Protein backbone atom coordinates (compact mmCIF):
# COMPACT_ATOMS: atom_id res chain seq x y z
CA MET A 1 3.24 -25.07 15.77
CA GLN A 2 3.54 -27.15 12.62
CA ALA A 3 -0.23 -27.60 12.35
CA TYR A 4 -0.63 -23.81 12.32
CA TYR A 5 2.10 -23.34 9.75
CA ASP A 6 0.30 -25.92 7.61
CA TYR A 7 -2.97 -24.05 8.11
CA CYS A 8 -1.25 -20.80 7.03
CA PHE A 9 0.12 -22.44 3.88
CA ASP A 10 -3.20 -24.06 2.95
CA LEU A 11 -5.14 -20.85 3.55
CA LEU A 12 -2.65 -18.87 1.49
CA SER A 13 -3.06 -21.32 -1.39
CA ARG A 14 -6.82 -20.82 -1.32
CA MET A 15 -6.39 -17.04 -1.09
CA ILE A 16 -4.08 -16.98 -4.11
CA ALA A 17 -6.72 -18.91 -6.09
CA CYS A 18 -9.12 -15.99 -5.49
CA ASN A 19 -8.17 -13.62 -8.28
CA THR A 20 -8.42 -10.15 -6.75
CA THR A 21 -6.46 -8.32 -9.46
CA ASN A 22 -6.98 -4.58 -9.29
CA PRO A 23 -8.36 -2.86 -11.45
CA ASP A 24 -11.71 -4.50 -10.70
CA GLY A 25 -10.48 -6.30 -7.55
CA LYS A 26 -13.58 -8.43 -7.04
CA GLU A 27 -12.52 -9.04 -3.42
CA GLU A 28 -15.96 -10.19 -2.28
CA ALA A 29 -15.25 -13.91 -2.80
CA LEU A 30 -12.02 -13.69 -0.81
CA SER A 31 -13.76 -11.68 1.90
CA GLN A 32 -16.35 -14.42 2.19
CA LEU A 33 -13.66 -17.11 2.38
CA LEU A 34 -11.94 -15.30 5.25
CA CYS A 35 -15.24 -14.54 6.95
CA ASP A 36 -16.08 -18.25 6.93
CA GLU A 37 -12.64 -19.08 8.37
CA MET A 38 -13.06 -16.52 11.13
CA LYS A 39 -16.45 -17.92 12.07
CA LYS A 40 -15.00 -21.45 12.19
CA MET A 41 -12.50 -20.15 14.75
CA GLY A 42 -15.32 -18.75 16.86
CA MET A 43 -14.96 -15.11 15.86
CA LYS A 44 -17.82 -12.75 15.18
CA ALA A 45 -17.29 -11.89 11.51
CA GLN A 46 -18.96 -10.10 8.65
CA VAL A 47 -18.41 -9.21 5.02
CA GLN A 48 -18.73 -5.45 4.56
CA PRO A 49 -20.04 -4.68 1.04
CA ILE A 50 -18.71 -1.64 -0.80
CA ILE A 51 -19.87 -1.91 -4.41
CA PRO A 52 -20.91 -5.01 -6.37
CA GLN A 53 -18.23 -7.74 -6.09
CA ARG A 54 -16.05 -5.58 -3.84
CA ALA A 55 -16.03 -5.93 -0.07
CA ASN A 56 -14.02 -5.81 3.15
CA VAL A 57 -14.07 -8.48 5.84
CA ILE A 58 -14.09 -7.77 9.59
CA GLY A 59 -13.69 -10.23 12.46
CA GLU A 60 -13.63 -9.69 16.22
CA ILE A 61 -13.23 -11.71 19.40
CA GLY A 62 -12.31 -11.13 23.03
CA GLU A 63 -13.16 -8.51 25.63
CA GLY A 64 -11.87 -5.08 26.52
CA GLU A 65 -12.50 -1.38 25.98
CA LYS A 66 -9.75 -1.02 23.38
CA ALA A 67 -8.96 -3.49 20.63
CA LEU A 68 -5.81 -4.60 18.88
CA LEU A 69 -6.29 -4.18 15.12
CA LEU A 70 -4.61 -6.45 12.59
CA ASN A 71 -5.02 -5.01 9.10
CA GLY A 72 -4.16 -5.79 5.50
CA HIS A 73 -5.45 -5.48 1.96
CA LEU A 74 -7.05 -8.14 -0.22
CA ASP A 75 -6.36 -6.88 -3.75
CA VAL A 76 -3.27 -7.56 -5.85
CA VAL A 77 -1.63 -5.94 -8.86
CA PRO A 78 -2.07 -7.49 -12.34
CA ALA A 79 -0.01 -10.60 -13.11
CA VAL A 80 1.55 -9.39 -16.36
CA GLY A 81 4.66 -10.83 -18.02
CA GLU A 82 5.97 -14.35 -18.51
CA TRP A 83 5.44 -16.29 -15.28
CA SER A 84 7.12 -19.62 -14.63
CA SER A 85 3.82 -20.99 -13.31
CA ASP A 86 0.17 -19.96 -13.07
CA PRO A 87 0.16 -16.80 -10.91
CA PHE A 88 -3.14 -17.84 -9.34
CA VAL A 89 -2.03 -21.35 -8.38
CA MET A 90 0.40 -21.22 -5.45
CA THR A 91 3.53 -23.18 -6.38
CA GLU A 92 6.34 -24.30 -4.08
CA ARG A 93 9.95 -24.19 -5.34
CA ASP A 94 13.30 -23.84 -3.59
CA GLY A 95 11.84 -23.00 -0.19
CA LYS A 96 9.51 -20.36 -1.62
CA PHE A 97 5.82 -20.01 -2.42
CA PHE A 98 5.17 -18.40 -5.80
CA GLY A 99 1.95 -16.68 -6.83
CA ARG A 100 0.45 -13.23 -7.20
CA GLY A 101 -0.11 -11.89 -3.70
CA THR A 102 2.14 -14.30 -1.81
CA ALA A 103 4.15 -11.34 -0.49
CA ASP A 104 1.81 -8.41 -1.10
CA MET A 105 -0.07 -9.20 0.92
CA LYS A 106 -2.06 -12.38 1.15
CA GLY A 107 0.90 -14.14 2.80
CA PRO A 108 0.92 -11.76 5.79
CA ILE A 109 -2.88 -12.03 6.10
CA ALA A 110 -2.66 -15.85 6.15
CA ALA A 111 0.01 -15.56 8.87
CA MET A 112 -2.30 -13.31 10.93
CA MET A 113 -5.12 -15.82 10.56
CA ALA A 114 -2.90 -18.74 11.62
CA ALA A 115 -1.67 -16.80 14.67
CA MET A 116 -5.25 -16.07 15.70
CA LYS A 117 -6.21 -19.72 15.20
CA TRP A 118 -3.35 -20.79 17.51
CA HIS A 119 -4.56 -18.48 20.29
CA LEU A 120 -8.17 -19.55 20.02
CA GLU A 121 -7.24 -23.22 20.18
CA ASN A 122 -4.46 -23.07 22.77
CA THR A 123 -5.37 -20.38 25.31
CA GLU A 124 -8.34 -20.36 27.67
CA ARG A 125 -8.96 -16.68 27.13
CA LEU A 126 -7.54 -14.00 24.86
CA PRO A 127 -5.59 -11.30 26.72
CA GLY A 128 -7.84 -8.64 25.16
CA ARG A 129 -10.11 -7.80 22.27
CA VAL A 130 -8.69 -8.44 18.82
CA LYS A 131 -10.11 -7.23 15.52
CA MET A 132 -9.01 -8.31 12.08
CA ALA A 133 -10.00 -6.01 9.22
CA PHE A 134 -8.92 -6.76 5.67
CA ASP A 135 -9.87 -4.22 3.03
CA ALA A 136 -10.36 -3.93 -0.70
CA ASP A 137 -8.72 -1.64 -3.26
CA GLU A 138 -5.46 -0.64 -1.55
CA GLU A 139 -3.53 -0.88 -4.82
CA LEU A 140 -5.61 1.66 -6.71
CA GLY A 141 -8.33 3.78 -5.14
CA THR A 142 -8.43 2.96 -1.36
CA ILE A 143 -12.22 2.72 -1.31
CA GLY A 144 -12.00 -0.21 1.10
CA ILE A 145 -10.08 1.44 3.91
CA HIS A 146 -12.26 4.56 3.68
CA LYS A 147 -15.42 2.46 3.92
CA LEU A 148 -13.93 0.58 6.85
CA LEU A 149 -13.01 3.71 8.77
CA GLU A 150 -16.22 5.60 7.98
CA GLU A 151 -18.29 2.90 9.67
CA ASP A 152 -15.85 2.10 12.50
CA HIS A 153 -16.21 4.08 15.72
CA ASP A 154 -14.23 1.69 17.92
CA GLN A 155 -11.33 2.48 20.24
CA TYR A 156 -7.96 0.90 19.53
CA LEU A 157 -4.89 0.14 21.57
CA GLY A 158 -2.92 0.08 18.33
CA ALA A 159 -2.75 -1.47 14.90
CA VAL A 160 -0.33 -3.55 12.84
CA ILE A 161 -0.52 -3.48 9.04
CA GLY A 162 1.01 -6.62 7.56
CA GLU A 163 2.64 -5.06 4.51
CA PRO A 164 5.77 -7.06 3.59
CA SER A 165 8.64 -5.45 5.50
CA MET A 166 10.88 -8.49 6.08
CA LEU A 167 9.34 -8.40 9.56
CA GLU A 168 11.05 -5.12 10.35
CA VAL A 169 9.01 -2.66 12.41
CA CYS A 170 8.25 0.34 10.18
CA VAL A 171 6.72 3.57 11.46
CA THR A 172 6.76 6.00 8.54
CA HIS A 173 6.18 6.08 4.80
CA LYS A 174 6.26 8.73 2.10
CA GLY A 175 3.05 9.87 0.49
CA LEU A 176 2.00 9.40 -3.11
CA ILE A 177 0.83 12.29 -5.25
CA ARG A 178 -0.07 11.76 -8.88
CA MET A 179 -0.50 14.98 -10.82
CA ARG A 180 -1.25 15.39 -14.52
CA VAL A 181 0.41 18.24 -16.42
CA ASN A 182 -1.74 19.21 -19.42
CA LEU A 183 -0.12 21.11 -22.31
CA HIS A 184 -2.51 23.03 -24.56
CA GLY A 185 -1.32 23.78 -28.09
CA LYS A 186 -2.89 24.51 -31.47
CA GLY A 187 -3.52 21.95 -34.16
CA ALA A 188 -2.33 22.44 -37.75
CA HIS A 189 -1.28 20.38 -40.74
CA ALA A 190 2.13 18.81 -40.17
CA SER A 191 3.36 20.31 -43.43
CA THR A 192 2.92 23.80 -41.94
CA PRO A 193 4.11 23.39 -38.33
CA LYS A 194 4.49 27.12 -37.75
CA ALA A 195 0.75 27.50 -38.19
CA GLY A 196 0.20 25.53 -34.99
CA VAL A 197 1.58 25.16 -31.48
CA ASN A 198 3.15 21.75 -30.86
CA SER A 199 1.99 20.59 -27.45
CA ILE A 200 4.43 17.65 -27.43
CA GLU A 201 7.36 20.04 -27.81
CA LYS A 202 5.95 22.13 -24.95
CA ALA A 203 5.69 18.96 -22.86
CA ALA A 204 9.34 18.24 -23.57
CA ASP A 205 10.28 21.70 -22.30
CA ALA A 206 8.17 21.14 -19.18
CA ILE A 207 9.70 17.74 -18.43
CA ILE A 208 13.22 19.14 -18.68
CA ALA A 209 12.29 22.07 -16.42
CA LEU A 210 10.86 19.75 -13.79
CA ARG A 211 14.19 17.97 -13.37
CA ALA A 212 15.13 20.94 -11.20
CA ALA A 213 11.99 20.38 -9.10
CA ASN A 214 13.17 16.86 -8.37
CA GLU A 215 16.57 18.21 -7.38
CA GLU A 216 14.93 20.75 -5.08
CA LEU A 217 12.83 18.05 -3.40
CA GLY A 218 15.93 15.96 -2.80
CA GLN A 219 17.64 18.67 -0.77
CA LYS A 220 15.42 18.09 2.27
CA GLU A 221 16.23 15.15 4.54
CA HIS A 222 14.20 13.03 6.95
CA PRO A 223 15.58 11.04 9.92
CA LEU A 224 14.30 7.73 8.49
CA LEU A 225 12.94 8.18 4.99
CA PRO A 226 14.94 8.35 1.75
CA ARG A 227 14.78 11.66 -0.06
CA ARG A 228 11.66 12.93 -1.78
CA THR A 229 11.27 12.43 -5.53
CA LEU A 230 9.35 13.79 -8.49
CA THR A 231 9.41 11.84 -11.74
CA VAL A 232 7.52 11.54 -15.01
CA THR A 233 5.96 8.09 -15.42
CA MET A 234 3.53 8.32 -18.36
CA ILE A 235 2.97 10.61 -21.37
CA GLU A 236 0.33 10.77 -24.07
CA GLY A 237 -0.46 13.14 -26.89
CA GLY A 238 -1.04 13.63 -30.58
CA GLU A 239 -4.13 13.23 -32.73
CA LYS A 240 -2.70 11.84 -35.98
CA GLU A 241 0.64 11.28 -37.64
CA ASN A 242 0.23 14.28 -39.96
CA VAL A 243 -1.26 16.73 -37.43
CA ILE A 244 0.56 19.15 -35.17
CA PRO A 245 -0.63 17.97 -31.72
CA SER A 246 -2.96 20.36 -29.96
CA TYR A 247 -2.83 18.48 -26.66
CA CYS A 248 -0.28 16.48 -24.69
CA SER A 249 -0.19 15.44 -21.06
CA PHE A 250 2.18 13.64 -18.75
CA LEU A 251 1.84 12.13 -15.32
CA LEU A 252 4.01 13.07 -12.36
CA ASP A 253 4.71 10.65 -9.51
CA ILE A 254 5.67 12.64 -6.40
CA ARG A 255 6.70 11.05 -3.09
CA PRO A 256 6.40 13.67 -0.32
CA PHE A 257 7.47 13.59 3.32
CA PRO A 258 5.20 13.79 6.37
CA GLY A 259 4.20 17.41 6.65
CA ASP A 260 4.11 18.01 2.90
CA THR A 261 0.73 18.72 1.30
CA TYR A 262 -0.69 18.50 -2.19
CA ALA A 263 -0.76 22.31 -2.26
CA ASP A 264 2.97 22.36 -1.47
CA MET A 265 3.75 20.05 -4.39
CA GLU A 266 1.45 21.93 -6.75
CA ALA A 267 3.23 25.17 -5.81
CA LEU A 268 6.59 23.52 -6.51
CA VAL A 269 5.50 22.40 -9.98
CA ASN A 270 4.13 25.87 -10.76
CA LYS A 271 7.38 27.42 -9.53
CA HIS A 272 9.32 25.53 -12.18
CA LEU A 273 6.79 25.84 -15.01
CA HIS A 274 5.76 29.49 -14.67
CA PRO A 275 9.14 30.78 -15.98
CA LEU A 276 8.48 28.89 -19.22
CA LYS A 277 5.08 30.53 -19.51
CA GLU A 278 6.62 33.96 -18.89
CA LYS A 279 9.22 33.44 -21.66
CA ASP A 280 6.93 31.71 -24.15
CA PRO A 281 3.40 33.06 -24.76
CA ASP A 282 2.50 29.76 -26.47
CA PHE A 283 3.35 27.72 -23.36
CA ASN A 284 -0.06 27.01 -21.85
CA TYR A 285 -0.60 24.38 -19.19
CA THR A 286 -2.98 23.28 -16.47
CA LEU A 287 -2.55 20.86 -13.57
CA THR A 288 -5.01 18.10 -12.62
CA LYS A 289 -5.03 16.16 -9.36
CA VAL A 290 -5.09 12.40 -9.96
CA MET A 291 -4.23 10.97 -6.53
CA ASP A 292 -3.23 12.25 -3.11
CA VAL A 293 -2.27 9.67 -0.50
CA PHE A 294 -0.68 11.61 2.30
CA PRO A 295 2.42 10.40 4.16
CA GLY A 296 2.28 8.56 7.47
CA GLU A 297 4.47 8.79 10.55
CA LEU A 298 4.23 7.38 14.05
CA PRO A 299 7.05 8.73 16.22
CA THR A 300 9.79 6.26 17.15
CA ASP A 301 9.24 7.15 20.81
CA HIS A 302 5.45 6.62 20.70
CA PRO A 303 4.30 4.02 23.27
CA TRP A 304 2.84 1.78 20.54
CA THR A 305 6.08 1.89 18.57
CA LYS A 306 8.06 0.98 21.68
CA LYS A 307 5.65 -1.84 22.49
CA VAL A 308 5.79 -3.44 19.04
CA VAL A 309 9.58 -3.14 18.95
CA SER A 310 9.67 -4.85 22.36
CA ILE A 311 7.34 -7.59 21.10
CA HIS A 312 9.57 -8.07 18.05
CA ASN A 313 12.63 -8.45 20.24
CA ALA A 314 10.79 -10.90 22.50
CA ALA A 315 9.81 -13.00 19.48
CA PHE A 316 13.15 -13.01 17.68
CA GLY A 317 15.78 -11.71 20.06
CA GLY A 318 18.17 -9.01 18.93
CA ASP A 319 17.76 -5.26 19.24
CA THR A 320 15.61 -4.13 16.35
CA LYS A 321 15.03 -0.43 15.67
CA ALA A 322 11.98 1.21 14.11
CA ARG A 323 12.59 2.22 10.50
CA ASP A 324 10.89 3.48 7.32
CA PHE A 325 8.63 1.53 4.99
CA GLY A 326 9.78 1.72 1.39
CA ALA A 327 6.39 2.20 -0.28
CA THR A 328 3.17 4.10 0.27
CA CYS A 329 0.51 2.24 2.26
CA GLU A 330 -2.63 2.75 4.31
CA GLN A 331 -0.93 3.57 7.61
CA CYS A 332 -1.67 7.24 6.98
CA PHE A 333 -5.44 6.69 6.98
CA LEU A 334 -5.38 4.78 10.27
CA LEU A 335 -3.19 7.44 11.86
CA ALA A 336 -5.58 10.15 10.67
CA LYS A 337 -8.34 8.27 12.49
CA GLY A 338 -6.27 8.43 15.69
CA ILE A 339 -5.17 4.77 15.60
CA PRO A 340 -1.47 4.27 16.47
CA THR A 341 -0.21 2.11 13.62
CA VAL A 342 3.00 0.36 12.64
CA ILE A 343 3.80 -1.72 9.57
CA CYS A 344 5.30 -5.17 9.99
CA GLY A 345 4.86 -8.25 7.85
CA PRO A 346 6.69 -11.22 6.36
CA GLY A 347 8.04 -10.96 2.84
CA SER A 348 9.68 -8.09 1.02
CA MET A 349 8.46 -5.34 -1.29
CA ALA A 350 11.30 -6.41 -3.58
CA GLN A 351 9.39 -9.68 -4.05
CA ALA A 352 6.07 -7.93 -4.70
CA HIS A 353 4.66 -6.47 -7.95
CA ILE A 354 7.08 -8.60 -10.00
CA VAL A 355 6.85 -11.55 -12.36
CA ASP A 356 7.08 -14.73 -10.24
CA GLU A 357 6.20 -12.95 -7.01
CA TYR A 358 7.14 -15.10 -4.03
CA ILE A 359 7.55 -15.31 -0.28
CA ASP A 360 10.14 -17.38 1.56
CA ILE A 361 8.42 -20.17 3.48
CA GLU A 362 10.63 -19.65 6.53
CA GLN A 363 9.77 -15.95 6.52
CA LEU A 364 6.08 -16.87 6.47
CA ARG A 365 6.59 -19.13 9.50
CA GLN A 366 8.31 -16.25 11.27
CA GLY A 367 5.29 -14.10 10.45
CA VAL A 368 2.97 -16.53 12.23
CA LEU A 369 5.24 -16.42 15.29
CA PHE A 370 5.40 -12.64 15.27
CA TYR A 371 1.64 -12.11 15.08
CA LYS A 372 1.16 -14.78 17.73
CA GLN A 373 3.46 -12.74 19.99
CA VAL A 374 1.66 -9.50 19.12
CA ILE A 375 -1.69 -10.95 20.18
CA ALA A 376 -0.13 -12.32 23.39
CA ASP A 377 1.74 -9.20 24.47
CA ALA A 378 -0.05 -6.18 23.02
CA PHE A 379 -2.26 -5.76 26.10
CA LYS A 380 0.52 -6.05 28.66
CA GLU A 381 1.39 -2.93 30.63
């Protein structure tokens, strides 16, 4: 297997060198790199354009009515802060690979590619049809996965998303709603504040009131997921230092459970802000939808869940149990398309989105072994 671990590491190094920082993403060059690698393995592969410089990559090989889908995203978050080394040059230290995307999630994609390479070079025939689809823009707008699914009318046995989960089998994730609360005041000279309506002060009242909304969300429990949350993450307002601000807005980050809708969360926010409006005629607000990524959940007793858990145990021994994934991801979109999907990849979300992002080299090796086992056993009855 060492040759395939080495291939994984070399490919990951080349992937890290492709700067796919989102905003902008510019995943086309990385898509072309992976497309070329797939073709070298003997796969039928194509780059799927989305908009200029942004693209998905899709590869396929094998026979069968239903395919196994291996999925991941190509973009990474910005490499801000003081890094110990160039974030776009993979660096090895202390048994780890450092670089933006090593964990989230170019490392898992490289492991999938190495596992596929092993099968194509060491087995006479694949046990079934395997597709690899790696998409753009997961970190921001999800245009890649939507393009992928809009043009894909295939049938799937099941899918594995390689988000970093420490190779634990995850079957559910909370959603992500971003909602802007807009406070509308009245401008005036700062020397005569009573002549205006201070929108920043109204925002402060709103933020305090919404603490109770977060408490209300936290009262509901889920068998696997941590409790729901609502929190303020950004605020902006004010026109000038000597002007009573006529406008202020703040951004809410809401993490709902499966079954919750945007309308439910909007109603909750209104429930806690309307009393302020009733008491204060100068409290005027509107709500704006910014993002709505719905939650995902594949039942723990679903046949695909049971199969992947069984594959995991065959690869590593032990008695693993399906669990939750700690962040929002694209599982929900695949599930909505009718594709049974679990999340399982090397690396940890605790290592992602940070200065000096890294993945443990041994964990990456384990990822190659896991995906190798998935390809081998997914089609077994």
